[in-house]
Amino acid sequence: MSTTHATPTITREKLIELLNEDLKREFQAVIGYVNYSQVLKGAQYMNIAAELEKHAGEELGHALKLSYWIDYLGGMPAVTAKEVKTSDKAEDMLKFDLEAEKETIRNYRRRVRQVDTLNEFALGEDLREILRDEADHLNALATALGIDTPDPGIADE
């Protein structure tokens, strides 16, 4: 009885490139959360400001995990962040964060599938743990905006 194995749709080199894009998004999130947590004004935003400060630390943890895996796979971790959007309006900042979290979740959902095809299951477990945090962030932002938590979907290949 012979079994055939599907050819991975991703190479190790491409995975390193994509993980570096994820790392840049994590750096973006750290910067955004640090900034937003300090500049949100108004009594209605005090609780979410404290939550965003906590999120900044979690995003830094994600960046450290990604850097580890990029190095493990033979790559060089990125050292720049994607652009951080800012605004004078608290609601705009929260919407920027919501959109960024949706993009991050879409990409991590895709990344989990990709690493599984390369049999990098330990990396997949770390990505699933990061996804759990990102889902929590998305829910906190949606709650602060008074909307239902959106389903971000999954990134295209």
C-alpha atoms as a PDB file:
ATOM      1  CA  MET A   1       0.000   0.000   0.000  1.00  0.00           C
ATOM      2  CA  SER A   2       1.629   3.210  -1.097  1.00  0.00           C
ATOM      3  CA  THR A   3       0.738   6.608   0.156  1.00  0.00           C
ATOM      4  CA  THR A   4       1.257   9.835  -1.659  1.00  0.00           C
ATOM      5  CA  HIS A   5       2.062  13.046   0.095  1.00  0.00           C
ATOM      6  CA  ALA A   6       0.923  16.399  -1.195  1.00  0.00           C
ATOM      7  CA  THR A   7       3.704  18.744  -2.149  1.00  0.00           C
ATOM      8  CA  PRO A   8       3.913  21.690   0.220  1.00  0.00           C
ATOM      9  CA  THR A   9       2.498  24.856  -1.313  1.00  0.00           C
ATOM     10  CA  ILE A  10       5.118  26.897   0.491  1.00  0.00           C
ATOM     11  CA  THR A  11       8.871  26.745   0.775  1.00  0.00           C
ATOM     12  CA  ARG A  12      10.911  27.352   3.898  1.00  0.00           C
ATOM     13  CA  GLU A  13      12.330  30.513   2.291  1.00  0.00           C
ATOM     14  CA  LYS A  14       8.846  31.859   1.517  1.00  0.00           C
ATOM     15  CA  LEU A  15       7.747  31.036   5.068  1.00  0.00           C
ATOM     16  CA  ILE A  16      10.661  33.071   6.468  1.00  0.00           C
ATOM     17  CA  GLU A  17       9.615  35.992   4.254  1.00  0.00           C
ATOM     18  CA  LEU A  18       5.995  35.759   5.419  1.00  0.00           C
ATOM     19  CA  LEU A  19       6.961  35.405   9.081  1.00  0.00           C
ATOM     20  CA  ASN A  20       9.049  38.564   8.725  1.00  0.00           C
ATOM     21  CA  GLU A  21       5.950  40.375   7.431  1.00  0.00           C
ATOM     22  CA  ASP A  22       4.103  39.072  10.494  1.00  0.00           C
ATOM     23  CA  LEU A  23       6.963  40.309  12.677  1.00  0.00           C
ATOM     24  CA  LYS A  24       6.706  43.784  11.138  1.00  0.00           C
ATOM     25  CA  ARG A  25       2.979  43.774  11.961  1.00  0.00           C
ATOM     26  CA  GLU A  26       3.790  42.804  15.565  1.00  0.00           C
ATOM     27  CA  PHE A  27       6.253  45.701  15.829  1.00  0.00           C
ATOM     28  CA  GLN A  28       3.528  47.952  14.383  1.00  0.00           C
ATOM     29  CA  ALA A  29       1.117  46.682  17.035  1.00  0.00           C
ATOM     30  CA  VAL A  30       3.587  47.293  19.880  1.00  0.00           C
ATOM     31  CA  ILE A  31       4.140  50.879  18.738  1.00  0.00           C
ATOM     32  CA  GLY A  32       0.444  51.485  18.112  1.00  0.00           C
ATOM     33  CA  TYR A  33      -0.669  50.078  21.445  1.00  0.00           C
ATOM     34  CA  VAL A  34       2.001  51.990  23.362  1.00  0.00           C
ATOM     35  CA  ASN A  35       1.003  55.224  21.649  1.00  0.00           C
ATOM     36  CA  TYR A  36      -2.763  54.755  21.801  1.00  0.00           C
ATOM     37  CA  SER A  37      -2.721  53.609  25.439  1.00  0.00           C
ATOM     38  CA  GLN A  38      -1.092  56.885  26.412  1.00  0.00           C
ATOM     39  CA  VAL A  39      -2.981  59.376  24.246  1.00  0.00           C
ATOM     40  CA  LEU A  40      -6.582  58.136  24.512  1.00  0.00           C
ATOM     41  CA  LYS A  41      -8.492  60.804  26.410  1.00  0.00           C
ATOM     42  CA  GLY A  42     -11.815  60.745  28.191  1.00  0.00           C
ATOM     43  CA  ALA A  43     -13.385  58.770  31.004  1.00  0.00           C
ATOM     44  CA  GLN A  44     -15.046  56.365  28.554  1.00  0.00           C
ATOM     45  CA  TYR A  45     -11.593  55.262  27.308  1.00  0.00           C
ATOM     46  CA  MET A  46      -9.773  54.736  30.618  1.00  0.00           C
ATOM     47  CA  ASN A  47     -10.456  50.987  30.768  1.00  0.00           C
ATOM     48  CA  ILE A  48      -9.531  50.386  27.123  1.00  0.00           C
ATOM     49  CA  ALA A  49      -6.350  52.480  27.538  1.00  0.00           C
ATOM     50  CA  ALA A  50      -5.215  50.138  30.315  1.00  0.00           C
ATOM     51  CA  GLU A  51      -6.129  47.138  28.153  1.00  0.00           C
ATOM     52  CA  LEU A  52      -4.132  48.517  25.213  1.00  0.00           C
ATOM     53  CA  GLU A  53      -1.109  48.911  27.473  1.00  0.00           C
ATOM     54  CA  LYS A  54      -1.416  45.222  28.364  1.00  0.00           C
ATOM     55  CA  HIS A  55      -1.766  44.348  24.670  1.00  0.00           C
ATOM     56  CA  ALA A  56       1.522  46.132  23.918  1.00  0.00           C
ATOM     57  CA  GLY A  57       3.357  43.675  26.172  1.00  0.00           C
ATOM     58  CA  GLU A  58       1.606  40.701  24.597  1.00  0.00           C
ATOM     59  CA  GLU A  59       2.510  41.903  21.102  1.00  0.00           C
ATOM     60  CA  LEU A  60       6.144  42.208  22.165  1.00  0.00           C
ATOM     61  CA  GLY A  61       5.974  38.588  23.310  1.00  0.00           C
ATOM     62  CA  HIS A  62       4.638  37.632  19.877  1.00  0.00           C
ATOM     63  CA  ALA A  63       7.512  39.490  18.221  1.00  0.00           C
ATOM     64  CA  LEU A  64      10.014  37.579  20.332  1.00  0.00           C
ATOM     65  CA  LYS A  65       8.446  34.235  19.398  1.00  0.00           C
ATOM     66  CA  LEU A  66       8.421  35.104  15.714  1.00  0.00           C
ATOM     67  CA  SER A  67      12.043  36.272  15.858  1.00  0.00           C
ATOM     68  CA  TYR A  68      13.000  32.952  17.443  1.00  0.00           C
ATOM     69  CA  TRP A  69      11.281  30.947  14.711  1.00  0.00           C
ATOM     70  CA  ILE A  70      12.658  33.076  11.875  1.00  0.00           C
ATOM     71  CA  ASP A  71      16.163  32.492  13.215  1.00  0.00           C
ATOM     72  CA  TYR A  72      15.428  28.782  13.775  1.00  0.00           C
ATOM     73  CA  LEU A  73      14.371  28.445  10.136  1.00  0.00           C
ATOM     74  CA  GLY A  74      17.601  30.099   8.984  1.00  0.00           C
ATOM     75  CA  GLY A  75      16.370  33.644   8.390  1.00  0.00           C
ATOM     76  CA  MET A  76      17.202  37.057   9.793  1.00  0.00           C
ATOM     77  CA  PRO A  77      14.376  38.654  11.800  1.00  0.00           C
ATOM     78  CA  ALA A  78      13.059  41.982  10.490  1.00  0.00           C
ATOM     79  CA  VAL A  79      13.981  45.145  12.371  1.00  0.00           C
ATOM     80  CA  THR A  80      11.355  47.557  11.066  1.00  0.00           C
ATOM     81  CA  ALA A  81       7.665  48.047  11.721  1.00  0.00           C
ATOM     82  CA  LYS A  82       4.815  48.571   9.330  1.00  0.00           C
ATOM     83  CA  GLU A  83       3.405  52.103   9.425  1.00  0.00           C
ATOM     84  CA  VAL A  84       1.323  53.038  12.462  1.00  0.00           C
ATOM     85  CA  LYS A  85      -1.758  55.152  11.815  1.00  0.00           C
ATOM     86  CA  THR A  86      -2.575  57.860  14.327  1.00  0.00           C
ATOM     87  CA  SER A  87      -5.429  60.276  14.848  1.00  0.00           C
ATOM     88  CA  ASP A  88      -6.631  62.967  17.218  1.00  0.00           C
ATOM     89  CA  LYS A  89      -9.861  60.994  17.600  1.00  0.00           C
ATOM     90  CA  ALA A  90      -9.940  58.049  20.023  1.00  0.00           C
ATOM     91  CA  GLU A  91     -12.565  56.192  18.000  1.00  0.00           C
ATOM     92  CA  ASP A  92     -10.393  56.401  14.872  1.00  0.00           C
ATOM     93  CA  MET A  93      -7.421  54.950  16.749  1.00  0.00           C
ATOM     94  CA  LEU A  94      -9.532  52.042  17.970  1.00  0.00           C
ATOM     95  CA  LYS A  95     -10.805  51.448  14.432  1.00  0.00           C
ATOM     96  CA  PHE A  96      -7.220  51.473  13.114  1.00  0.00           C
ATOM     97  CA  ASP A  97      -6.329  48.855  15.719  1.00  0.00           C
ATOM     98  CA  LEU A  98      -9.388  46.782  14.892  1.00  0.00           C
ATOM     99  CA  GLU A  99      -8.453  46.686  11.201  1.00  0.00           C
ATOM    100  CA  ALA A 100      -4.833  45.849  12.023  1.00  0.00           C
ATOM    101  CA  GLU A 101      -5.925  42.981  14.296  1.00  0.00           C
ATOM    102  CA  LYS A 102      -8.215  41.627  11.575  1.00  0.00           C
ATOM    103  CA  GLU A 103      -5.315  41.643   9.098  1.00  0.00           C
ATOM    104  CA  THR A 104      -3.033  39.981  11.646  1.00  0.00           C
ATOM    105  CA  ILE A 105      -5.552  37.231  12.387  1.00  0.00           C
ATOM    106  CA  ARG A 106      -6.172  36.583   8.682  1.00  0.00           C
ATOM    107  CA  ASN A 107      -2.454  36.157   8.127  1.00  0.00           C
ATOM    108  CA  TYR A 108      -1.859  33.939  11.159  1.00  0.00           C
ATOM    109  CA  ARG A 109      -4.748  31.696  10.150  1.00  0.00           C
ATOM    110  CA  ARG A 110      -3.064  31.248   6.759  1.00  0.00           C
ATOM    111  CA  ARG A 111       0.354  30.820   8.385  1.00  0.00           C
ATOM    112  CA  VAL A 112      -0.899  27.957  10.585  1.00  0.00           C
ATOM    113  CA  ARG A 113      -1.989  26.053   7.487  1.00  0.00           C
ATOM    114  CA  GLN A 114       1.301  26.801   5.760  1.00  0.00           C
ATOM    115  CA  VAL A 115       3.536  25.651   8.606  1.00  0.00           C
ATOM    116  CA  ASP A 116       1.513  22.471   8.976  1.00  0.00           C
ATOM    117  CA  THR A 117       2.263  21.584   5.333  1.00  0.00           C
ATOM    118  CA  LEU A 118       5.973  21.942   6.168  1.00  0.00           C
ATOM    119  CA  ASN A 119       5.550  19.746   9.272  1.00  0.00           C
ATOM    120  CA  GLU A 120       6.666  22.619  11.520  1.00  0.00           C
ATOM    121  CA  PHE A 121       4.140  21.647  14.172  1.00  0.00           C
ATOM    122  CA  ALA A 122       5.843  23.348  17.140  1.00  0.00           C
ATOM    123  CA  LEU A 123       5.815  26.635  15.214  1.00  0.00           C
ATOM    124  CA  GLY A 124       2.156  25.977  14.439  1.00  0.00           C
ATOM    125  CA  GLU A 125       1.403  25.615  18.145  1.00  0.00           C
ATOM    126  CA  ASP A 126       3.085  28.941  18.888  1.00  0.00           C
ATOM    127  CA  LEU A 127       1.095  30.575  16.085  1.00  0.00           C
ATOM    128  CA  ARG A 128      -2.134  29.130  17.485  1.00  0.00           C
ATOM    129  CA  GLU A 129      -1.260  30.595  20.896  1.00  0.00           C
ATOM    130  CA  ILE A 130      -0.608  33.978  19.278  1.00  0.00           C
ATOM    131  CA  LEU A 131      -3.938  33.680  17.433  1.00  0.00           C
ATOM    132  CA  ARG A 132      -5.722  33.205  20.744  1.00  0.00           C
ATOM    133  CA  ASP A 133      -4.224  36.482  22.020  1.00  0.00           C
ATOM    134  CA  GLU A 134      -5.071  38.294  18.789  1.00  0.00           C
ATOM    135  CA  ALA A 135      -8.685  37.103  18.984  1.00  0.00           C
ATOM    136  CA  ASP A 136      -8.846  38.508  22.520  1.00  0.00           C
ATOM    137  CA  HIS A 137      -7.453  41.827  21.277  1.00  0.00           C
ATOM    138  CA  LEU A 138      -9.992  41.930  18.454  1.00  0.00           C
ATOM    139  CA  ASN A 139     -12.836  41.271  20.886  1.00  0.00           C
ATOM    140  CA  ALA A 140     -11.628  43.958  23.319  1.00  0.00           C
ATOM    141  CA  LEU A 141     -11.427  46.532  20.520  1.00  0.00           C
ATOM    142  CA  ALA A 142     -14.848  45.610  19.142  1.00  0.00           C
ATOM    143  CA  THR A 143     -16.328  45.862  22.640  1.00  0.00           C
ATOM    144  CA  ALA A 144     -14.727  49.286  23.145  1.00  0.00           C
ATOM    145  CA  LEU A 145     -16.238  50.397  19.829  1.00  0.00           C
ATOM    146  CA  GLY A 146     -19.656  48.990  20.795  1.00  0.00           C
ATOM    147  CA  ILE A 147     -19.787  46.550  17.866  1.00  0.00           C
ATOM    148  CA  ASP A 148     -19.956  42.784  17.486  1.00  0.00           C
ATOM    149  CA  THR A 149     -16.598  41.087  17.129  1.00  0.00           C
ATOM    150  CA  PRO A 150     -16.017  40.690  13.384  1.00  0.00           C
ATOM    151  CA  ASP A 151     -14.852  37.490  11.697  1.00  0.00           C
ATOM    152  CA  PRO A 152     -11.606  38.501   9.988  1.00  0.00           C
ATOM    153  CA  GLY A 153     -11.573  35.511   7.619  1.00  0.00           C
ATOM    154  CA  ILE A 154      -8.334  34.054   6.315  1.00  0.00           C
ATOM    155  CA  ALA A 155      -5.668  35.604   4.093  1.00  0.00           C
ATOM    156  CA  ASP A 156      -5.407  34.519   0.494  1.00  0.00           C
ATOM    157  CA  GLU A 157      -2.373  32.488  -0.477  1.00  0.00           C
END
